[in-house]
Amino acid sequence: MKIAITTASGHVGSAVADFLLDLGGDIRVRLLGRRPEKLTRFVRRGAEMTIGAQDNVDYLVRATQDVDAIFWVTPPGYGSDNVRAFQNRLAKAAATTLRINRVPRVVNLSSIGAELEAGAGPISGLHDVEGLLDGACGNTTHLRPGFFFENLLWQLDSIRKSGTISLPISGSQRYPMIATRDIGRVAAERLADGSWTGQSVAELHGPADLSFDETAEVLSQALGRKIRYVQCDRQKMRQAIIENGVSENAADAMLEMYDAVESGKLRPAQPRSRQTTTPTTFSEFARSVMLPLLTETVTH
């Protein structure tokens, strides 16, 4: 079985590659990326590597010839002047590729809220992606996870300097939160299973719904010092995002997404169940991922 993985150097894509390479057997992994140095560790383990642009149809067709399944991730496009147009351009390239190569199955990384056609920022763009992939392939699985634990890695500098994490969302607002490694495990299992057919949506809710007040408490325990959550001003957040290299359009889309969380518009469509619940807790993530990074930052 040949499986292609897009954005193979990202948090989720790299986890998918790790799990599939661990499975071994007759599974052959083909990685699609832009920077070969980020993929060499997988190549050493037996993966194939192809380098090119994900919106280039010619490249995608060559890179996915003869594969049995594709793991598709639409990059965030934070630097784009029109994030939704960027998402659609990549999805159309994927759809064309699926038709030309008649790829049997696609597992697509989407998000909770992708059923919303408008009003959810970049997640509404993922609504378009799902539709385009469904129109090009009869066997699709759209994984819709919650808030990534890894999104808090953007807050490392603030945690180190002021002991705070901050977003324009109420500290008491609960939302499903998940480790990207758990998403990768679910995706790898689906990709390695050649028996499923049809089009489906699978939400992934992590181990629990958490508020940001609660994440601050967990971080305090894991790091051994007081961490506070502070709800920030929307415009200050917008300016801070733009200063970090995000386009104005992308910043506005992100704020729309945060507003949708705050209002309750952006919420799970499926009930929490054994199937939607994943094992890695935020406490485990804080200790195993965030604590070493913060220690390294302080040391250097």
C-alpha atoms as a PDB file:
ATOM      1  CA  MET A   1       0.000   0.000   0.000  1.00  0.00           C
ATOM      2  CA  LYS A   2       1.369   3.405  -1.028  1.00  0.00           C
ATOM      3  CA  ILE A   3       0.335   6.432   1.041  1.00  0.00           C
ATOM      4  CA  ALA A   4       1.147  10.058   0.226  1.00  0.00           C
ATOM      5  CA  ILE A   5       1.375  12.666   2.988  1.00  0.00           C
ATOM      6  CA  THR A   6       1.180  16.408   2.318  1.00  0.00           C
ATOM      7  CA  THR A   7       2.737  19.007   4.666  1.00  0.00           C
ATOM      8  CA  ALA A   8       4.813  16.147   6.019  1.00  0.00           C
ATOM      9  CA  SER A   9       6.992  18.439   8.146  1.00  0.00           C
ATOM     10  CA  GLY A  10       4.050  19.948  10.037  1.00  0.00           C
ATOM     11  CA  HIS A  11       2.829  18.879  13.467  1.00  0.00           C
ATOM     12  CA  VAL A  12       0.111  16.562  12.165  1.00  0.00           C
ATOM     13  CA  GLY A  13       1.786  15.438   8.932  1.00  0.00           C
ATOM     14  CA  SER A  14       4.970  14.422  10.728  1.00  0.00           C
ATOM     15  CA  ALA A  15       2.942  12.472  13.298  1.00  0.00           C
ATOM     16  CA  VAL A  16       1.139  10.634  10.480  1.00  0.00           C
ATOM     17  CA  ALA A  17       4.489   9.778   8.896  1.00  0.00           C
ATOM     18  CA  ASP A  18       5.872   8.514  12.204  1.00  0.00           C
ATOM     19  CA  PHE A  19       2.904   6.244  12.856  1.00  0.00           C
ATOM     20  CA  LEU A  20       2.814   4.839   9.312  1.00  0.00           C
ATOM     21  CA  LEU A  21       6.544   4.140   9.284  1.00  0.00           C
ATOM     22  CA  ASP A  22       6.158   2.399  12.644  1.00  0.00           C
ATOM     23  CA  LEU A  23       3.514   0.126  11.101  1.00  0.00           C
ATOM     24  CA  GLY A  24       5.963  -1.061   8.448  1.00  0.00           C
ATOM     25  CA  GLY A  25       4.880  -4.154   6.545  1.00  0.00           C
ATOM     26  CA  ASP A  26       3.711  -3.446   3.017  1.00  0.00           C
ATOM     27  CA  ILE A  27       3.073   0.254   3.720  1.00  0.00           C
ATOM     28  CA  ARG A  28       5.188   2.622   1.627  1.00  0.00           C
ATOM     29  CA  VAL A  29       5.203   6.266   2.643  1.00  0.00           C
ATOM     30  CA  ARG A  30       5.671   9.090   0.138  1.00  0.00           C
ATOM     31  CA  LEU A  31       6.231  12.554   1.605  1.00  0.00           C
ATOM     32  CA  LEU A  32       5.293  15.798  -0.132  1.00  0.00           C
ATOM     33  CA  GLY A  33       7.068  18.902   1.086  1.00  0.00           C
ATOM     34  CA  ARG A  34       8.952  22.058   0.206  1.00  0.00           C
ATOM     35  CA  ARG A  35      12.080  21.734   2.372  1.00  0.00           C
ATOM     36  CA  PRO A  36      14.028  18.486   2.050  1.00  0.00           C
ATOM     37  CA  GLU A  37      16.037  19.052   5.235  1.00  0.00           C
ATOM     38  CA  LYS A  38      12.816  18.736   7.252  1.00  0.00           C
ATOM     39  CA  LEU A  39      12.050  15.324   5.761  1.00  0.00           C
ATOM     40  CA  THR A  40      15.407  13.565   5.882  1.00  0.00           C
ATOM     41  CA  ARG A  41      14.721  11.872   9.221  1.00  0.00           C
ATOM     42  CA  PHE A  42      11.775  10.080   7.599  1.00  0.00           C
ATOM     43  CA  VAL A  43      13.769   9.195   4.496  1.00  0.00           C
ATOM     44  CA  ARG A  44      16.343   7.499   6.722  1.00  0.00           C
ATOM     45  CA  ARG A  45      13.513   5.292   7.962  1.00  0.00           C
ATOM     46  CA  GLY A  46      12.469   4.303   4.447  1.00  0.00           C
ATOM     47  CA  ALA A  47      10.085   7.032   3.279  1.00  0.00           C
ATOM     48  CA  GLU A  48      10.213   8.473  -0.240  1.00  0.00           C
ATOM     49  CA  MET A  49      10.564  12.249  -0.566  1.00  0.00           C
ATOM     50  CA  THR A  50       9.199  14.566  -3.252  1.00  0.00           C
ATOM     51  CA  ILE A  51       9.741  18.330  -3.263  1.00  0.00           C
ATOM     52  CA  GLY A  52       7.381  20.839  -4.830  1.00  0.00           C
ATOM     53  CA  ALA A  53       4.589  23.353  -4.386  1.00  0.00           C
ATOM     54  CA  GLN A  54       1.270  22.053  -3.120  1.00  0.00           C
ATOM     55  CA  ASP A  55      -0.725  24.262  -5.488  1.00  0.00           C
ATOM     56  CA  ASN A  56       1.138  22.954  -8.547  1.00  0.00           C
ATOM     57  CA  VAL A  57      -1.048  20.362 -10.262  1.00  0.00           C
ATOM     58  CA  ASP A  58       1.772  18.928 -12.366  1.00  0.00           C
ATOM     59  CA  TYR A  59       3.831  18.332  -9.243  1.00  0.00           C
ATOM     60  CA  LEU A  60       0.918  16.838  -7.300  1.00  0.00           C
ATOM     61  CA  VAL A  61       0.054  14.472 -10.143  1.00  0.00           C
ATOM     62  CA  ARG A  62       3.649  13.233 -10.373  1.00  0.00           C
ATOM     63  CA  ALA A  63       4.021  12.929  -6.603  1.00  0.00           C
ATOM     64  CA  THR A  64       0.817  10.936  -6.103  1.00  0.00           C
ATOM     65  CA  GLN A  65       0.913   8.544  -9.036  1.00  0.00           C
ATOM     66  CA  ASP A  66      -0.063   5.000  -8.049  1.00  0.00           C
ATOM     67  CA  VAL A  67      -0.832   5.870  -4.426  1.00  0.00           C
ATOM     68  CA  ASP A  68      -3.658   4.108  -2.617  1.00  0.00           C
ATOM     69  CA  ALA A  69      -4.453   7.003  -0.285  1.00  0.00           C
ATOM     70  CA  ILE A  70      -3.535  10.638   0.344  1.00  0.00           C
ATOM     71  CA  PHE A  71      -3.384  12.520   3.611  1.00  0.00           C
ATOM     72  CA  TRP A  72      -4.331  16.041   2.596  1.00  0.00           C
ATOM     73  CA  VAL A  73      -3.610  19.098   4.725  1.00  0.00           C
ATOM     74  CA  THR A  74      -4.398  22.607   3.529  1.00  0.00           C
ATOM     75  CA  PRO A  75      -1.623  24.901   4.827  1.00  0.00           C
ATOM     76  CA  PRO A  76      -2.911  27.892   6.823  1.00  0.00           C
ATOM     77  CA  GLY A  77      -1.786  30.537   4.338  1.00  0.00           C
ATOM     78  CA  TYR A  78      -1.160  33.122   7.035  1.00  0.00           C
ATOM     79  CA  GLY A  79       0.822  35.293   4.644  1.00  0.00           C
ATOM     80  CA  SER A  80      -1.849  35.326   1.950  1.00  0.00           C
ATOM     81  CA  ASP A  81      -3.824  38.479   1.168  1.00  0.00           C
ATOM     82  CA  ASN A  82      -6.904  36.275   0.689  1.00  0.00           C
ATOM     83  CA  VAL A  83      -6.782  33.186   2.877  1.00  0.00           C
ATOM     84  CA  ARG A  84      -9.992  31.649   1.576  1.00  0.00           C
ATOM     85  CA  ALA A  85      -8.899  32.051  -2.041  1.00  0.00           C
ATOM     86  CA  PHE A  86      -5.575  30.454  -1.102  1.00  0.00           C
ATOM     87  CA  GLN A  87      -7.364  27.511   0.508  1.00  0.00           C
ATOM     88  CA  ASN A  88      -9.586  27.079  -2.526  1.00  0.00           C
ATOM     89  CA  ARG A  89      -6.665  27.224  -4.949  1.00  0.00           C
ATOM     90  CA  LEU A  90      -4.892  24.387  -3.167  1.00  0.00           C
ATOM     91  CA  ALA A  91      -8.071  22.343  -2.825  1.00  0.00           C
ATOM     92  CA  LYS A  92      -8.811  22.710  -6.537  1.00  0.00           C
ATOM     93  CA  ALA A  93      -5.294  21.488  -7.314  1.00  0.00           C
ATOM     94  CA  ALA A  94      -5.930  18.514  -5.038  1.00  0.00           C
ATOM     95  CA  ALA A  95      -9.289  17.772  -6.654  1.00  0.00           C
ATOM     96  CA  THR A  96      -7.777  17.850 -10.143  1.00  0.00           C
ATOM     97  CA  THR A  97      -5.014  15.513  -8.984  1.00  0.00           C
ATOM     98  CA  LEU A  98      -7.488  13.079  -7.437  1.00  0.00           C
ATOM     99  CA  ARG A  99      -9.431  12.880 -10.686  1.00  0.00           C
ATOM    100  CA  ILE A 100      -6.383  12.489 -12.928  1.00  0.00           C
ATOM    101  CA  ASN A 101      -4.764   9.794 -10.771  1.00  0.00           C
ATOM    102  CA  ARG A 102      -8.045   8.238  -9.651  1.00  0.00           C
ATOM    103  CA  VAL A 103      -6.772   8.089  -6.091  1.00  0.00           C
ATOM    104  CA  PRO A 104      -8.952   5.591  -4.190  1.00  0.00           C
ATOM    105  CA  ARG A 105      -9.064   7.314  -0.777  1.00  0.00           C
ATOM    106  CA  VAL A 106      -8.393  10.651   0.884  1.00  0.00           C
ATOM    107  CA  VAL A 107      -8.084  11.480   4.570  1.00  0.00           C
ATOM    108  CA  ASN A 108      -8.388  15.244   4.935  1.00  0.00           C
ATOM    109  CA  LEU A 109      -7.396  17.355   7.943  1.00  0.00           C
ATOM    110  CA  SER A 110     -10.283  19.743   8.509  1.00  0.00           C
ATOM    111  CA  SER A 111     -11.632  21.275  11.737  1.00  0.00           C
ATOM    112  CA  ILE A 112     -14.572  21.353  14.088  1.00  0.00           C
ATOM    113  CA  GLY A 113     -16.961  23.860  12.539  1.00  0.00           C
ATOM    114  CA  ALA A 114     -16.190  23.046   8.893  1.00  0.00           C
ATOM    115  CA  GLU A 115     -19.914  22.604   8.309  1.00  0.00           C
ATOM    116  CA  LEU A 116     -20.149  26.427   8.606  1.00  0.00           C
ATOM    117  CA  GLU A 117     -20.060  28.042   5.175  1.00  0.00           C
ATOM    118  CA  ALA A 118     -19.397  31.490   6.637  1.00  0.00           C
ATOM    119  CA  GLY A 119     -18.560  33.267   9.876  1.00  0.00           C
ATOM    120  CA  ALA A 120     -15.796  30.991  11.165  1.00  0.00           C
ATOM    121  CA  GLY A 121     -12.698  32.549   9.625  1.00  0.00           C
ATOM    122  CA  PRO A 122     -10.265  30.073   8.049  1.00  0.00           C
ATOM    123  CA  ILE A 123     -12.478  27.183   9.149  1.00  0.00           C
ATOM    124  CA  SER A 124     -15.122  28.322   6.668  1.00  0.00           C
ATOM    125  CA  GLY A 125     -12.438  27.940   4.009  1.00  0.00           C
ATOM    126  CA  LEU A 126     -12.051  24.328   5.101  1.00  0.00           C
ATOM    127  CA  HIS A 127     -15.777  23.950   4.380  1.00  0.00           C
ATOM    128  CA  ASP A 128     -14.907  24.677   0.749  1.00  0.00           C
ATOM    129  CA  VAL A 129     -11.986  22.236   0.843  1.00  0.00           C
ATOM    130  CA  GLU A 130     -14.207  19.407   2.070  1.00  0.00           C
ATOM    131  CA  GLY A 131     -16.694  20.015  -0.719  1.00  0.00           C
ATOM    132  CA  LEU A 132     -14.058  20.094  -3.441  1.00  0.00           C
ATOM    133  CA  LEU A 133     -12.443  16.864  -2.232  1.00  0.00           C
ATOM    134  CA  ASP A 134     -15.822  15.133  -1.939  1.00  0.00           C
ATOM    135  CA  GLY A 135     -16.586  16.132  -5.503  1.00  0.00           C
ATOM    136  CA  ALA A 136     -13.370  14.538  -6.767  1.00  0.00           C
ATOM    137  CA  CYS A 137     -13.177  11.306  -4.760  1.00  0.00           C
ATOM    138  CA  GLY A 138     -15.879   8.893  -3.659  1.00  0.00           C
ATOM    139  CA  ASN A 139     -14.015   7.776  -0.528  1.00  0.00           C
ATOM    140  CA  THR A 140     -13.132  10.641   1.795  1.00  0.00           C
ATOM    141  CA  THR A 141     -12.743  11.000   5.529  1.00  0.00           C
ATOM    142  CA  HIS A 142     -12.679  14.517   6.935  1.00  0.00           C
ATOM    143  CA  LEU A 143     -11.050  14.667  10.358  1.00  0.00           C
ATOM    144  CA  ARG A 144     -12.397  17.619  12.341  1.00  0.00           C
ATOM    145  CA  PRO A 145     -10.280  18.141  15.458  1.00  0.00           C
ATOM    146  CA  GLY A 146     -10.600  20.838  18.088  1.00  0.00           C
ATOM    147  CA  PHE A 147      -8.060  23.437  19.254  1.00  0.00           C
ATOM    148  CA  PHE A 148      -4.504  22.106  18.965  1.00  0.00           C
ATOM    149  CA  PHE A 149      -2.451  22.069  22.163  1.00  0.00           C
ATOM    150  CA  GLU A 150       0.423  23.110  19.881  1.00  0.00           C
ATOM    151  CA  ASN A 151      -1.289  26.440  19.181  1.00  0.00           C
ATOM    152  CA  LEU A 152      -0.134  27.474  22.657  1.00  0.00           C
ATOM    153  CA  LEU A 153       3.479  27.216  21.518  1.00  0.00           C
ATOM    154  CA  TRP A 154       2.921  30.674  20.044  1.00  0.00           C
ATOM    155  CA  GLN A 155       2.595  31.850  23.646  1.00  0.00           C
ATOM    156  CA  LEU A 156       5.989  30.577  24.878  1.00  0.00           C
ATOM    157  CA  ASP A 157       7.592  34.025  24.927  1.00  0.00           C
ATOM    158  CA  SER A 158       4.671  35.508  26.859  1.00  0.00           C
ATOM    159  CA  ILE A 159       4.748  32.631  29.331  1.00  0.00           C
ATOM    160  CA  ARG A 160       8.473  33.114  29.881  1.00  0.00           C
ATOM    161  CA  LYS A 161       8.405  36.918  30.197  1.00  0.00           C
ATOM    162  CA  SER A 162       5.145  37.615  32.014  1.00  0.00           C
ATOM    163  CA  GLY A 163       3.703  34.264  33.075  1.00  0.00           C
ATOM    164  CA  THR A 164       0.596  34.753  30.939  1.00  0.00           C
ATOM    165  CA  ILE A 165      -1.263  33.224  28.031  1.00  0.00           C
ATOM    166  CA  SER A 166      -3.662  35.457  26.176  1.00  0.00           C
ATOM    167  CA  LEU A 167      -6.350  35.248  23.481  1.00  0.00           C
ATOM    168  CA  PRO A 168      -9.478  37.326  22.718  1.00  0.00           C
ATOM    169  CA  ILE A 169     -11.696  34.621  24.259  1.00  0.00           C
ATOM    170  CA  SER A 170     -13.260  34.486  27.723  1.00  0.00           C
ATOM    171  CA  GLY A 171     -11.183  32.478  30.166  1.00  0.00           C
ATOM    172  CA  SER A 172     -14.226  30.425  31.154  1.00  0.00           C
ATOM    173  CA  GLN A 173     -15.212  29.420  27.600  1.00  0.00           C
ATOM    174  CA  ARG A 174     -14.705  25.663  27.226  1.00  0.00           C
ATOM    175  CA  TYR A 175     -13.702  24.079  23.920  1.00  0.00           C
ATOM    176  CA  PRO A 176     -12.368  20.667  22.801  1.00  0.00           C
ATOM    177  CA  MET A 177      -8.549  20.670  22.838  1.00  0.00           C
ATOM    178  CA  ILE A 178      -6.279  18.000  21.400  1.00  0.00           C
ATOM    179  CA  ALA A 179      -2.646  16.959  20.863  1.00  0.00           C
ATOM    180  CA  THR A 180      -1.679  16.839  17.193  1.00  0.00           C
ATOM    181  CA  ARG A 181       0.057  13.494  17.774  1.00  0.00           C
ATOM    182  CA  ASP A 182      -3.330  11.981  18.582  1.00  0.00           C
ATOM    183  CA  ILE A 183      -4.735  13.374  15.338  1.00  0.00           C
ATOM    184  CA  GLY A 184      -1.806  11.814  13.497  1.00  0.00           C
ATOM    185  CA  ARG A 185      -2.486   8.415  15.040  1.00  0.00           C
ATOM    186  CA  VAL A 186      -6.153   8.475  13.990  1.00  0.00           C
ATOM    187  CA  ALA A 187      -5.246   9.626  10.484  1.00  0.00           C
ATOM    188  CA  ALA A 188      -2.563   6.941  10.097  1.00  0.00           C
ATOM    189  CA  GLU A 189      -4.944   4.186  11.165  1.00  0.00           C
ATOM    190  CA  ARG A 190      -7.540   5.390   8.668  1.00  0.00           C
ATOM    191  CA  LEU A 191      -4.994   5.673   5.864  1.00  0.00           C
ATOM    192  CA  ALA A 192      -3.627   2.184   6.508  1.00  0.00           C
ATOM    193  CA  ASP A 193      -7.118   0.678   6.375  1.00  0.00           C
ATOM    194  CA  GLY A 194      -7.931  -0.098   2.766  1.00  0.00           C
ATOM    195  CA  SER A 195     -11.393  -1.470   3.469  1.00  0.00           C
ATOM    196  CA  TRP A 196     -13.518   1.615   4.122  1.00  0.00           C
ATOM    197  CA  THR A 197     -15.679   3.298   1.508  1.00  0.00           C
ATOM    198  CA  GLY A 198     -17.900   6.355   1.266  1.00  0.00           C
ATOM    199  CA  GLN A 199     -17.667   9.885   2.564  1.00  0.00           C
ATOM    200  CA  SER A 200     -17.627  10.628   6.277  1.00  0.00           C
ATOM    201  CA  VAL A 201     -16.796  13.208   8.928  1.00  0.00           C
ATOM    202  CA  ALA A 202     -15.024  12.309  12.183  1.00  0.00           C
ATOM    203  CA  GLU A 203     -14.686  14.932  14.887  1.00  0.00           C
ATOM    204  CA  LEU A 204     -11.805  14.594  17.353  1.00  0.00           C
ATOM    205  CA  HIS A 205     -12.429  16.186  20.734  1.00  0.00           C
ATOM    206  CA  GLY A 206      -9.239  15.421  22.627  1.00  0.00           C
ATOM    207  CA  PRO A 207      -9.451  14.043  26.173  1.00  0.00           C
ATOM    208  CA  ALA A 208     -11.661  16.865  27.518  1.00  0.00           C
ATOM    209  CA  ASP A 209     -13.201  20.243  26.841  1.00  0.00           C
ATOM    210  CA  LEU A 210     -11.012  22.857  28.543  1.00  0.00           C
ATOM    211  CA  SER A 211     -11.256  26.547  29.270  1.00  0.00           C
ATOM    212  CA  PHE A 212      -8.193  28.760  29.008  1.00  0.00           C
ATOM    213  CA  ASP A 213      -8.429  29.467  32.735  1.00  0.00           C
ATOM    214  CA  GLU A 214      -8.061  25.720  33.206  1.00  0.00           C
ATOM    215  CA  THR A 215      -5.142  25.478  30.785  1.00  0.00           C
ATOM    216  CA  ALA A 216      -3.368  28.178  32.797  1.00  0.00           C
ATOM    217  CA  GLU A 217      -3.920  26.172  35.999  1.00  0.00           C
ATOM    218  CA  VAL A 218      -2.556  23.021  34.373  1.00  0.00           C
ATOM    219  CA  LEU A 219       0.459  24.934  33.064  1.00  0.00           C
ATOM    220  CA  SER A 220       1.099  26.354  36.536  1.00  0.00           C
ATOM    221  CA  GLN A 221       1.265  22.841  37.959  1.00  0.00           C
ATOM    222  CA  ALA A 222       3.420  21.496  35.119  1.00  0.00           C
ATOM    223  CA  LEU A 223       5.877  24.402  35.099  1.00  0.00           C
ATOM    224  CA  GLY A 224       6.058  24.910  38.857  1.00  0.00           C
ATOM    225  CA  ARG A 225       5.157  28.593  38.750  1.00  0.00           C
ATOM    226  CA  LYS A 226       2.023  30.680  38.444  1.00  0.00           C
ATOM    227  CA  ILE A 227       0.658  31.111  34.918  1.00  0.00           C
ATOM    228  CA  ARG A 228      -2.385  33.321  34.338  1.00  0.00           C
ATOM    229  CA  TYR A 229      -4.809  33.518  31.453  1.00  0.00           C
ATOM    230  CA  VAL A 230      -5.630  37.087  30.391  1.00  0.00           C
ATOM    231  CA  GLN A 231      -8.341  37.825  27.852  1.00  0.00           C
ATOM    232  CA  CYS A 232      -6.769  40.349  25.504  1.00  0.00           C
ATOM    233  CA  ASP A 233      -8.201  43.193  23.465  1.00  0.00           C
ATOM    234  CA  ARG A 234      -9.142  42.130  19.920  1.00  0.00           C
ATOM    235  CA  GLN A 235      -7.335  45.014  18.220  1.00  0.00           C
ATOM    236  CA  LYS A 236      -4.170  44.507  20.253  1.00  0.00           C
ATOM    237  CA  MET A 237      -4.239  40.846  19.299  1.00  0.00           C
ATOM    238  CA  ARG A 238      -4.750  41.789  15.650  1.00  0.00           C
ATOM    239  CA  GLN A 239      -1.736  44.097  15.722  1.00  0.00           C
ATOM    240  CA  ALA A 240       0.414  41.497  17.483  1.00  0.00           C
ATOM    241  CA  ILE A 241      -0.539  38.860  14.917  1.00  0.00           C
ATOM    242  CA  ILE A 242       0.324  41.163  12.010  1.00  0.00           C
ATOM    243  CA  GLU A 243       3.673  42.070  13.601  1.00  0.00           C
ATOM    244  CA  ASN A 244       4.459  38.340  13.574  1.00  0.00           C
ATOM    245  CA  GLY A 245       4.208  38.246   9.783  1.00  0.00           C
ATOM    246  CA  VAL A 246       0.530  37.382   9.341  1.00  0.00           C
ATOM    247  CA  SER A 247      -1.368  39.277   6.642  1.00  0.00           C
ATOM    248  CA  GLU A 248      -4.199  41.638   7.567  1.00  0.00           C
ATOM    249  CA  ASN A 249      -6.689  39.345   5.857  1.00  0.00           C
ATOM    250  CA  ALA A 250      -5.442  36.325   7.787  1.00  0.00           C
ATOM    251  CA  ALA A 251      -5.476  38.278  11.065  1.00  0.00           C
ATOM    252  CA  ASP A 252      -9.099  39.295  10.473  1.00  0.00           C
ATOM    253  CA  ALA A 253     -10.001  35.694   9.632  1.00  0.00           C
ATOM    254  CA  MET A 254      -8.425  34.487  12.875  1.00  0.00           C
ATOM    255  CA  LEU A 255     -10.341  37.089  14.877  1.00  0.00           C
ATOM    256  CA  GLU A 256     -13.571  35.976  13.200  1.00  0.00           C
ATOM    257  CA  MET A 257     -12.763  32.422  14.280  1.00  0.00           C
ATOM    258  CA  TYR A 258     -12.142  33.527  17.885  1.00  0.00           C
ATOM    259  CA  ASP A 259     -15.431  35.475  17.835  1.00  0.00           C
ATOM    260  CA  ALA A 260     -17.222  32.335  16.649  1.00  0.00           C
ATOM    261  CA  VAL A 261     -15.771  30.388  19.591  1.00  0.00           C
ATOM    262  CA  GLU A 262     -16.773  33.132  22.021  1.00  0.00           C
ATOM    263  CA  SER A 263     -20.329  33.348  20.712  1.00  0.00           C
ATOM    264  CA  GLY A 264     -20.807  29.578  20.672  1.00  0.00           C
ATOM    265  CA  LYS A 265     -21.275  29.532  16.908  1.00  0.00           C
ATOM    266  CA  LEU A 266     -18.144  27.420  16.564  1.00  0.00           C
ATOM    267  CA  ARG A 267     -18.764  24.233  18.508  1.00  0.00           C
ATOM    268  CA  PRO A 268     -18.739  20.460  17.995  1.00  0.00           C
ATOM    269  CA  ALA A 269     -21.465  19.013  15.801  1.00  0.00           C
ATOM    270  CA  GLN A 270     -20.971  15.477  17.108  1.00  0.00           C
ATOM    271  CA  PRO A 271     -21.374  14.376  20.732  1.00  0.00           C
ATOM    272  CA  ARG A 272     -18.319  13.383  22.738  1.00  0.00           C
ATOM    273  CA  SER A 273     -17.912   9.623  22.590  1.00  0.00           C
ATOM    274  CA  ARG A 274     -15.259   6.934  22.820  1.00  0.00           C
ATOM    275  CA  GLN A 275     -14.579   7.469  19.109  1.00  0.00           C
ATOM    276  CA  THR A 276     -14.110  11.252  19.382  1.00  0.00           C
ATOM    277  CA  THR A 277     -12.067  11.190  22.596  1.00  0.00           C
ATOM    278  CA  THR A 278      -8.273  10.905  22.352  1.00  0.00           C
ATOM    279  CA  PRO A 279      -5.835  10.000  25.144  1.00  0.00           C
ATOM    280  CA  THR A 280      -3.126  12.657  25.492  1.00  0.00           C
ATOM    281  CA  THR A 281      -4.011  15.126  28.266  1.00  0.00           C
ATOM    282  CA  PHE A 282      -2.955  18.756  28.324  1.00  0.00           C
ATOM    283  CA  SER A 283      -1.005  18.062  31.502  1.00  0.00           C
ATOM    284  CA  GLU A 284       1.052  15.429  29.658  1.00  0.00           C
ATOM    285  CA  PHE A 285       1.611  17.823  26.762  1.00  0.00           C
ATOM    286  CA  ALA A 286       2.652  20.656  29.077  1.00  0.00           C
ATOM    287  CA  ARG A 287       5.215  18.474  30.834  1.00  0.00           C
ATOM    288  CA  SER A 288       6.607  16.655  27.788  1.00  0.00           C
ATOM    289  CA  VAL A 289       6.550  19.447  25.181  1.00  0.00           C
ATOM    290  CA  MET A 290       6.161  22.915  26.702  1.00  0.00           C
ATOM    291  CA  LEU A 291       8.373  22.511  29.774  1.00  0.00           C
ATOM    292  CA  PRO A 292      11.476  21.431  27.790  1.00  0.00           C
ATOM    293  CA  LEU A 293      10.975  24.287  25.304  1.00  0.00           C
ATOM    294  CA  LEU A 294      10.629  26.849  28.077  1.00  0.00           C
ATOM    295  CA  THR A 295      13.688  25.488  29.843  1.00  0.00           C
ATOM    296  CA  GLU A 296      15.644  25.682  26.588  1.00  0.00           C
ATOM    297  CA  THR A 297      14.487  29.270  26.040  1.00  0.00           C
ATOM    298  CA  VAL A 298      15.577  30.319  29.501  1.00  0.00           C
ATOM    299  CA  THR A 299      18.941  28.533  29.151  1.00  0.00           C
ATOM    300  CA  HIS A 300      19.764  30.287  25.883  1.00  0.00           C
END
